[in-house]
Amino acid sequence: LVLSSRLIPGRDGGYTIASLARARQLARAGVADGCGPQLLTFDPGTAAAHAEHRAFFAEHGELTDLSRMRNLFDEAAA
């Protein structure tokens, strides 16, 4: 599990890039049968914005499995 306040494209300097890079490294190391850690954020933004972030990361090769990145507020609302 990687817990983060937020992972937003183009924000937070190198933090977002480094967090996603670590997740990919853990996936290559075999975590969760190669799927990598669950990325759990607790950003109070909208579910639509979070979906856009995941899509952006996937389009740019930063996230290979959209189901591995979730938001605590979205989960609670569901």
PDB file of N, CA and C in Angstrom:
ATOM      1  N   LEU A   1       0.845  -1.179   0.000  1.00  0.00           N
ATOM      2  CA  LEU A   1       0.000   0.000   0.000  1.00  0.00           C
ATOM      3  C   LEU A   1       0.888   1.238   0.000  1.00  0.00           C
ATOM      4  N   VAL A   2       0.602   2.162  -0.888  1.00  0.00           N
ATOM      5  CA  VAL A   2       1.241   3.471  -0.896  1.00  0.00           C
ATOM      6  C   VAL A   2       0.138   4.464  -0.567  1.00  0.00           C
ATOM      7  N   LEU A   3       0.303   5.183   0.522  1.00  0.00           N
ATOM      8  CA  LEU A   3      -0.684   6.151   0.980  1.00  0.00           C
ATOM      9  C   LEU A   3      -0.160   7.548   0.707  1.00  0.00           C
ATOM     10  N   SER A   4      -0.986   8.376   0.079  1.00  0.00           N
ATOM     11  CA  SER A   4      -0.556   9.722  -0.297  1.00  0.00           C
ATOM     12  C   SER A   4      -1.723  10.693  -0.163  1.00  0.00           C
ATOM     13  N   SER A   5      -1.403  11.919   0.188  1.00  0.00           N
ATOM     14  CA  SER A   5      -2.464  12.920   0.267  1.00  0.00           C
ATOM     15  C   SER A   5      -3.093  13.132  -1.106  1.00  0.00           C
ATOM     16  N   ARG A   6      -2.272  13.191  -2.136  1.00  0.00           N
ATOM     17  CA  ARG A   6      -2.796  13.312  -3.493  1.00  0.00           C
ATOM     18  C   ARG A   6      -1.702  12.935  -4.481  1.00  0.00           C
ATOM     19  N   LEU A   7      -2.125  12.519  -5.658  1.00  0.00           N
ATOM     20  CA  LEU A   7      -1.238  12.272  -6.791  1.00  0.00           C
ATOM     21  C   LEU A   7      -1.910  12.920  -7.992  1.00  0.00           C
ATOM     22  N   ILE A   8      -1.463  14.126  -8.316  1.00  0.00           N
ATOM     23  CA  ILE A   8      -2.095  14.916  -9.368  1.00  0.00           C
ATOM     24  C   ILE A   8      -1.044  15.247 -10.431  1.00  0.00           C
ATOM     25  N   PRO A   9      -1.357  14.973 -11.699  1.00  0.00           N
ATOM     26  CA  PRO A   9      -0.398  15.284 -12.761  1.00  0.00           C
ATOM     27  C   PRO A   9       0.011  16.752 -12.737  1.00  0.00           C
ATOM     28  N   GLY A  10       1.314  17.008 -12.821  1.00  0.00           N
ATOM     29  CA  GLY A  10       1.834  18.366 -12.901  1.00  0.00           C
ATOM     30  C   GLY A  10       1.868  19.126 -11.588  1.00  0.00           C
ATOM     31  N   ARG A  11       1.583  18.458 -10.482  1.00  0.00           N
ATOM     32  CA  ARG A  11       1.580  19.111  -9.175  1.00  0.00           C
ATOM     33  C   ARG A  11       2.629  18.494  -8.262  1.00  0.00           C
ATOM     34  N   ASP A  12       2.963  19.186  -7.221  1.00  0.00           N
ATOM     35  CA  ASP A  12       3.800  18.677  -6.140  1.00  0.00           C
ATOM     36  C   ASP A  12       5.227  18.333  -6.556  1.00  0.00           C
ATOM     37  N   GLY A  13       5.739  19.044  -7.525  1.00  0.00           N
ATOM     38  CA  GLY A  13       7.129  18.833  -7.920  1.00  0.00           C
ATOM     39  C   GLY A  13       7.389  17.401  -8.324  1.00  0.00           C
ATOM     40  N   GLY A  14       8.428  16.829  -7.780  1.00  0.00           N
ATOM     41  CA  GLY A  14       8.799  15.467  -8.143  1.00  0.00           C
ATOM     42  C   GLY A  14       8.126  14.405  -7.301  1.00  0.00           C
ATOM     43  N   TYR A  15       7.313  14.803  -6.325  1.00  0.00           N
ATOM     44  CA  TYR A  15       6.688  13.828  -5.439  1.00  0.00           C
ATOM     45  C   TYR A  15       5.808  12.840  -6.203  1.00  0.00           C
ATOM     46  N   THR A  16       4.951  13.343  -7.061  1.00  0.00           N
ATOM     47  CA  THR A  16       4.046  12.474  -7.813  1.00  0.00           C
ATOM     48  C   THR A  16       4.842  11.541  -8.715  1.00  0.00           C
ATOM     49  N   ILE A  17       5.824  12.080  -9.416  1.00  0.00           N
ATOM     50  CA  ILE A  17       6.652  11.273 -10.312  1.00  0.00           C
ATOM     51  C   ILE A  17       7.383  10.188  -9.533  1.00  0.00           C
ATOM     52  N   ALA A  18       7.967  10.567  -8.393  1.00  0.00           N
ATOM     53  CA  ALA A  18       8.717   9.615  -7.576  1.00  0.00           C
ATOM     54  C   ALA A  18       7.793   8.533  -7.002  1.00  0.00           C
ATOM     55  N   SER A  19       6.605   8.913  -6.561  1.00  0.00           N
ATOM     56  CA  SER A  19       5.674   7.936  -5.993  1.00  0.00           C
ATOM     57  C   SER A  19       5.258   6.905  -7.035  1.00  0.00           C
ATOM     58  N   LEU A  20       4.952   7.362  -8.239  1.00  0.00           N
ATOM     59  CA  LEU A  20       4.557   6.438  -9.301  1.00  0.00           C
ATOM     60  C   LEU A  20       5.740   5.577  -9.745  1.00  0.00           C
ATOM     61  N   ALA A  21       6.938   6.144  -9.756  1.00  0.00           N
ATOM     62  CA  ALA A  21       8.128   5.366 -10.108  1.00  0.00           C
ATOM     63  C   ALA A  21       8.361   4.262  -9.083  1.00  0.00           C
ATOM     64  N   ARG A  22       8.197   4.574  -7.810  1.00  0.00           N
ATOM     65  CA  ARG A  22       8.361   3.553  -6.767  1.00  0.00           C
ATOM     66  C   ARG A  22       7.317   2.458  -6.915  1.00  0.00           C
ATOM     67  N   ALA A  23       6.102   2.832  -7.247  1.00  0.00           N
ATOM     68  CA  ALA A  23       5.048   1.835  -7.441  1.00  0.00           C
ATOM     69  C   ALA A  23       5.402   0.899  -8.599  1.00  0.00           C
ATOM     70  N   ARG A  24       5.939   1.444  -9.686  1.00  0.00           N
ATOM     71  CA  ARG A  24       6.357   0.611 -10.824  1.00  0.00           C
ATOM     72  C   ARG A  24       7.512  -0.304 -10.424  1.00  0.00           C
ATOM     73  N   GLN A  25       8.450   0.210  -9.634  1.00  0.00           N
ATOM     74  CA  GLN A  25       9.570  -0.615  -9.158  1.00  0.00           C
ATOM     75  C   GLN A  25       9.068  -1.771  -8.303  1.00  0.00           C
ATOM     76  N   LEU A  26       8.114  -1.496  -7.431  1.00  0.00           N
ATOM     77  CA  LEU A  26       7.548  -2.545  -6.593  1.00  0.00           C
ATOM     78  C   LEU A  26       6.809  -3.580  -7.439  1.00  0.00           C
ATOM     79  N   ALA A  27       6.138  -3.140  -8.485  1.00  0.00           N
ATOM     80  CA  ALA A  27       5.460  -4.074  -9.386  1.00  0.00           C
ATOM     81  C   ALA A  27       6.489  -4.984 -10.060  1.00  0.00           C
ATOM     82  N   ARG A  28       7.573  -4.384 -10.556  1.00  0.00           N
ATOM     83  CA  ARG A  28       8.628  -5.189 -11.195  1.00  0.00           C
ATOM     84  C   ARG A  28       9.271  -6.152 -10.207  1.00  0.00           C
ATOM     85  N   ALA A  29       9.266  -5.802  -8.933  1.00  0.00           N
ATOM     86  CA  ALA A  29       9.837  -6.672  -7.900  1.00  0.00           C
ATOM     87  C   ALA A  29       8.871  -7.794  -7.514  1.00  0.00           C
ATOM     88  N   GLY A  30       7.658  -7.776  -8.059  1.00  0.00           N
ATOM     89  CA  GLY A  30       6.718  -8.857  -7.834  1.00  0.00           C
ATOM     90  C   GLY A  30       5.619  -8.590  -6.834  1.00  0.00           C
ATOM     91  N   VAL A  31       5.531  -7.372  -6.313  1.00  0.00           N
ATOM     92  CA  VAL A  31       4.473  -7.049  -5.357  1.00  0.00           C
ATOM     93  C   VAL A  31       3.107  -7.285  -5.999  1.00  0.00           C
ATOM     94  N   ALA A  32       2.234  -7.947  -5.262  1.00  0.00           N
ATOM     95  CA  ALA A  32       0.868  -8.257  -5.729  1.00  0.00           C
ATOM     96  C   ALA A  32       0.901  -8.969  -7.082  1.00  0.00           C
ATOM     97  N   ASP A  33       1.763  -9.973  -7.159  1.00  0.00           N
ATOM     98  CA  ASP A  33       1.905 -10.765  -8.386  1.00  0.00           C
ATOM     99  C   ASP A  33       2.242  -9.907  -9.597  1.00  0.00           C
ATOM    100  N   GLY A  34       3.028  -8.847  -9.379  1.00  0.00           N
ATOM    101  CA  GLY A  34       3.469  -7.987 -10.464  1.00  0.00           C
ATOM    102  C   GLY A  34       2.546  -6.829 -10.780  1.00  0.00           C
ATOM    103  N   CYS A  35       1.440  -6.729 -10.075  1.00  0.00           N
ATOM    104  CA  CYS A  35       0.501  -5.619 -10.302  1.00  0.00           C
ATOM    105  C   CYS A  35       0.961  -4.359  -9.575  1.00  0.00           C
ATOM    106  N   GLY A  36       1.776  -4.517  -8.579  1.00  0.00           N
ATOM    107  CA  GLY A  36       2.261  -3.375  -7.810  1.00  0.00           C
ATOM    108  C   GLY A  36       1.363  -3.065  -6.635  1.00  0.00           C
ATOM    109  N   PRO A  37       1.792  -2.099  -5.840  1.00  0.00           N
ATOM    110  CA  PRO A  37       1.037  -1.763  -4.632  1.00  0.00           C
ATOM    111  C   PRO A  37      -0.273  -1.050  -4.966  1.00  0.00           C
ATOM    112  N   GLN A  38      -1.163  -1.084  -4.011  1.00  0.00           N
ATOM    113  CA  GLN A  38      -2.385  -0.289  -4.113  1.00  0.00           C
ATOM    114  C   GLN A  38      -2.001   1.151  -3.787  1.00  0.00           C
ATOM    115  N   LEU A  39      -2.345   2.094  -4.643  1.00  0.00           N
ATOM    116  CA  LEU A  39      -2.091   3.514  -4.410  1.00  0.00           C
ATOM    117  C   LEU A  39      -3.372   4.118  -3.852  1.00  0.00           C
ATOM    118  N   LEU A  40      -3.336   4.536  -2.607  1.00  0.00           N
ATOM    119  CA  LEU A  40      -4.527   5.078  -1.963  1.00  0.00           C
ATOM    120  C   LEU A  40      -4.284   6.538  -1.609  1.00  0.00           C
ATOM    121  N   THR A  41      -5.092   7.424  -2.187  1.00  0.00           N
ATOM    122  CA  THR A  41      -4.969   8.849  -1.891  1.00  0.00           C
ATOM    123  C   THR A  41      -6.144   9.282  -1.020  1.00  0.00           C
ATOM    124  N   PHE A  42      -5.975  10.396  -0.366  1.00  0.00           N
ATOM    125  CA  PHE A  42      -7.074  10.973   0.418  1.00  0.00           C
ATOM    126  C   PHE A  42      -7.233  12.443   0.068  1.00  0.00           C
ATOM    127  N   ASP A  43      -7.342  12.684  -1.236  1.00  0.00           N
ATOM    128  CA  ASP A  43      -7.564  14.006  -1.807  1.00  0.00           C
ATOM    129  C   ASP A  43      -9.073  14.261  -1.846  1.00  0.00           C
ATOM    130  N   PRO A  44      -9.556  15.356  -1.251  1.00  0.00           N
ATOM    131  CA  PRO A  44     -10.992  15.600  -1.217  1.00  0.00           C
ATOM    132  C   PRO A  44     -11.578  16.123  -2.528  1.00  0.00           C
ATOM    133  N   GLY A  45     -10.835  16.056  -3.620  1.00  0.00           N
ATOM    134  CA  GLY A  45     -11.357  16.503  -4.914  1.00  0.00           C
ATOM    135  C   GLY A  45     -12.523  15.626  -5.363  1.00  0.00           C
ATOM    136  N   THR A  46     -12.994  15.860  -6.552  1.00  0.00           N
ATOM    137  CA  THR A  46     -14.146  15.117  -7.064  1.00  0.00           C
ATOM    138  C   THR A  46     -13.726  13.760  -7.631  1.00  0.00           C
ATOM    139  N   ALA A  47     -14.682  12.840  -7.648  1.00  0.00           N
ATOM    140  CA  ALA A  47     -14.424  11.527  -8.236  1.00  0.00           C
ATOM    141  C   ALA A  47     -14.074  11.664  -9.716  1.00  0.00           C
ATOM    142  N   ALA A  48     -14.709  12.614 -10.401  1.00  0.00           N
ATOM    143  CA  ALA A  48     -14.405  12.841 -11.823  1.00  0.00           C
ATOM    144  C   ALA A  48     -12.957  13.305 -12.009  1.00  0.00           C
ATOM    145  N   ALA A  49     -12.502  14.193 -11.136  1.00  0.00           N
ATOM    146  CA  ALA A  49     -11.115  14.660 -11.225  1.00  0.00           C
ATOM    147  C   ALA A  49     -10.152  13.508 -10.974  1.00  0.00           C
ATOM    148  N   HIS A  50     -10.464  12.653 -10.011  1.00  0.00           N
ATOM    149  CA  HIS A  50      -9.592  11.516  -9.721  1.00  0.00           C
ATOM    150  C   HIS A  50      -9.538  10.560 -10.910  1.00  0.00           C
ATOM    151  N   ALA A  51     -10.663  10.364 -11.563  1.00  0.00           N
ATOM    152  CA  ALA A  51     -10.699   9.512 -12.759  1.00  0.00           C
ATOM    153  C   ALA A  51      -9.842  10.119 -13.870  1.00  0.00           C
ATOM    154  N   GLU A  52      -9.893  11.442 -14.012  1.00  0.00           N
ATOM    155  CA  GLU A  52      -9.053  12.122 -15.007  1.00  0.00           C
ATOM    156  C   GLU A  52      -7.574  11.935 -14.685  1.00  0.00           C
ATOM    157  N   HIS A  53      -7.215  12.014 -13.425  1.00  0.00           N
ATOM    158  CA  HIS A  53      -5.820  11.828 -13.027  1.00  0.00           C
ATOM    159  C   HIS A  53      -5.358  10.421 -13.385  1.00  0.00           C
ATOM    160  N   ARG A  54      -6.171   9.423 -13.045  1.00  0.00           N
ATOM    161  CA  ARG A  54      -5.806   8.037 -13.370  1.00  0.00           C
ATOM    162  C   ARG A  54      -5.656   7.862 -14.877  1.00  0.00           C
ATOM    163  N   ALA A  55      -6.575   8.421 -15.643  1.00  0.00           N
ATOM    164  CA  ALA A  55      -6.509   8.306 -17.103  1.00  0.00           C
ATOM    165  C   ALA A  55      -5.244   8.964 -17.639  1.00  0.00           C
ATOM    166  N   PHE A  56      -4.897  10.127 -17.116  1.00  0.00           N
ATOM    167  CA  PHE A  56      -3.673  10.818 -17.549  1.00  0.00           C
ATOM    168  C   PHE A  56      -2.455   9.945 -17.272  1.00  0.00           C
ATOM    169  N   PHE A  57      -2.378   9.393 -16.069  1.00  0.00           N
ATOM    170  CA  PHE A  57      -1.235   8.553 -15.719  1.00  0.00           C
ATOM    171  C   PHE A  57      -1.166   7.324 -16.611  1.00  0.00           C
ATOM    172  N   ALA A  58      -2.300   6.736 -16.911  1.00  0.00           N
ATOM    173  CA  ALA A  58      -2.331   5.563 -17.787  1.00  0.00           C
ATOM    174  C   ALA A  58      -1.893   5.923 -19.204  1.00  0.00           C
ATOM    175  N   GLU A  59      -2.385   7.050 -19.723  1.00  0.00           N
ATOM    176  CA  GLU A  59      -2.026   7.486 -21.078  1.00  0.00           C
ATOM    177  C   GLU A  59      -0.529   7.741 -21.208  1.00  0.00           C
ATOM    178  N   HIS A  60       0.103   8.147 -20.115  1.00  0.00           N
ATOM    179  CA  HIS A  60       1.529   8.465 -20.139  1.00  0.00           C
ATOM    180  C   HIS A  60       2.408   7.335 -19.602  1.00  0.00           C
ATOM    181  N   GLY A  61       1.830   6.152 -19.457  1.00  0.00           N
ATOM    182  CA  GLY A  61       2.589   4.982 -19.046  1.00  0.00           C
ATOM    183  C   GLY A  61       3.012   4.968 -17.590  1.00  0.00           C
ATOM    184  N   GLU A  62       2.408   5.817 -16.779  1.00  0.00           N
ATOM    185  CA  GLU A  62       2.770   5.886 -15.364  1.00  0.00           C
ATOM    186  C   GLU A  62       1.960   4.913 -14.515  1.00  0.00           C
ATOM    187  N   LEU A  63       0.843   4.448 -15.039  1.00  0.00           N
ATOM    188  CA  LEU A  63      -0.056   3.564 -14.307  1.00  0.00           C
ATOM    189  C   LEU A  63      -0.581   2.539 -15.294  1.00  0.00           C
ATOM    190  N   THR A  64      -0.354   1.265 -15.022  1.00  0.00           N
ATOM    191  CA  THR A  64      -0.783   0.245 -15.976  1.00  0.00           C
ATOM    192  C   THR A  64      -2.118  -0.390 -15.617  1.00  0.00           C
ATOM    193  N   ASP A  65      -2.509  -0.321 -14.346  1.00  0.00           N
ATOM    194  CA  ASP A  65      -3.767  -0.910 -13.905  1.00  0.00           C
ATOM    195  C   ASP A  65      -4.536   0.141 -13.116  1.00  0.00           C
ATOM    196  N   LEU A  66      -5.564   0.703 -13.727  1.00  0.00           N
ATOM    197  CA  LEU A  66      -6.331   1.776 -13.084  1.00  0.00           C
ATOM    198  C   LEU A  66      -6.939   1.356 -11.747  1.00  0.00           C
ATOM    199  N   SER A  67      -7.215   0.082 -11.583  1.00  0.00           N
ATOM    200  CA  SER A  67      -7.825  -0.378 -10.340  1.00  0.00           C
ATOM    201  C   SER A  67      -6.859  -0.337  -9.160  1.00  0.00           C
ATOM    202  N   ARG A  68      -5.566  -0.143  -9.426  1.00  0.00           N
ATOM    203  CA  ARG A  68      -4.568  -0.105  -8.347  1.00  0.00           C
ATOM    204  C   ARG A  68      -4.461   1.275  -7.719  1.00  0.00           C
ATOM    205  N   MET A  69      -5.164   2.268  -8.258  1.00  0.00           N
ATOM    206  CA  MET A  69      -5.136   3.627  -7.697  1.00  0.00           C
ATOM    207  C   MET A  69      -6.551   4.019  -7.311  1.00  0.00           C
ATOM    208  N   ARG A  70      -6.737   4.258  -6.015  1.00  0.00           N
ATOM    209  CA  ARG A  70      -8.067   4.592  -5.512  1.00  0.00           C
ATOM    210  C   ARG A  70      -7.967   5.797  -4.575  1.00  0.00           C
ATOM    211  N   ASN A  71      -9.126   6.404  -4.328  1.00  0.00           N
ATOM    212  CA  ASN A  71      -9.183   7.556  -3.434  1.00  0.00           C
ATOM    213  C   ASN A  71     -10.118   7.242  -2.266  1.00  0.00           C
ATOM    214  N   LEU A  72      -9.639   7.540  -1.063  1.00  0.00           N
ATOM    215  CA  LEU A  72     -10.396   7.219   0.137  1.00  0.00           C
ATOM    216  C   LEU A  72     -11.766   7.906   0.162  1.00  0.00           C
ATOM    217  N   PHE A  73     -11.831   9.156  -0.237  1.00  0.00           N
ATOM    218  CA  PHE A  73     -13.099   9.882  -0.239  1.00  0.00           C
ATOM    219  C   PHE A  73     -14.078   9.288  -1.259  1.00  0.00           C
ATOM    220  N   ASP A  74     -13.567   8.904  -2.415  1.00  0.00           N
ATOM    221  CA  ASP A  74     -14.428   8.261  -3.424  1.00  0.00           C
ATOM    222  C   ASP A  74     -14.980   6.941  -2.895  1.00  0.00           C
ATOM    223  N   GLU A  75     -14.110   6.186  -2.237  1.00  0.00           N
ATOM    224  CA  GLU A  75     -14.529   4.887  -1.677  1.00  0.00           C
ATOM    225  C   GLU A  75     -15.607   5.085  -0.616  1.00  0.00           C
ATOM    226  N   ALA A  76     -15.417   6.073   0.248  1.00  0.00           N
ATOM    227  CA  ALA A  76     -16.384   6.337   1.320  1.00  0.00           C
ATOM    228  C   ALA A  76     -17.738   6.782   0.746  1.00  0.00           C
ATOM    229  N   ALA A  77     -17.698   7.600  -0.306  1.00  0.00           N
ATOM    230  CA  ALA A  77     -18.933   8.081  -0.917  1.00  0.00           C
ATOM    231  C   ALA A  77     -19.696   6.953  -1.603  1.00  0.00           C
ATOM    232  N   ALA A  78     -18.948   5.994  -2.144  1.00  0.00           N
ATOM    233  CA  ALA A  78     -19.582   4.860  -2.834  1.00  0.00           C
ATOM    234  C   ALA A  78     -20.251   3.946  -1.824  1.00  0.00           C
TER     235      ALA A  78
END
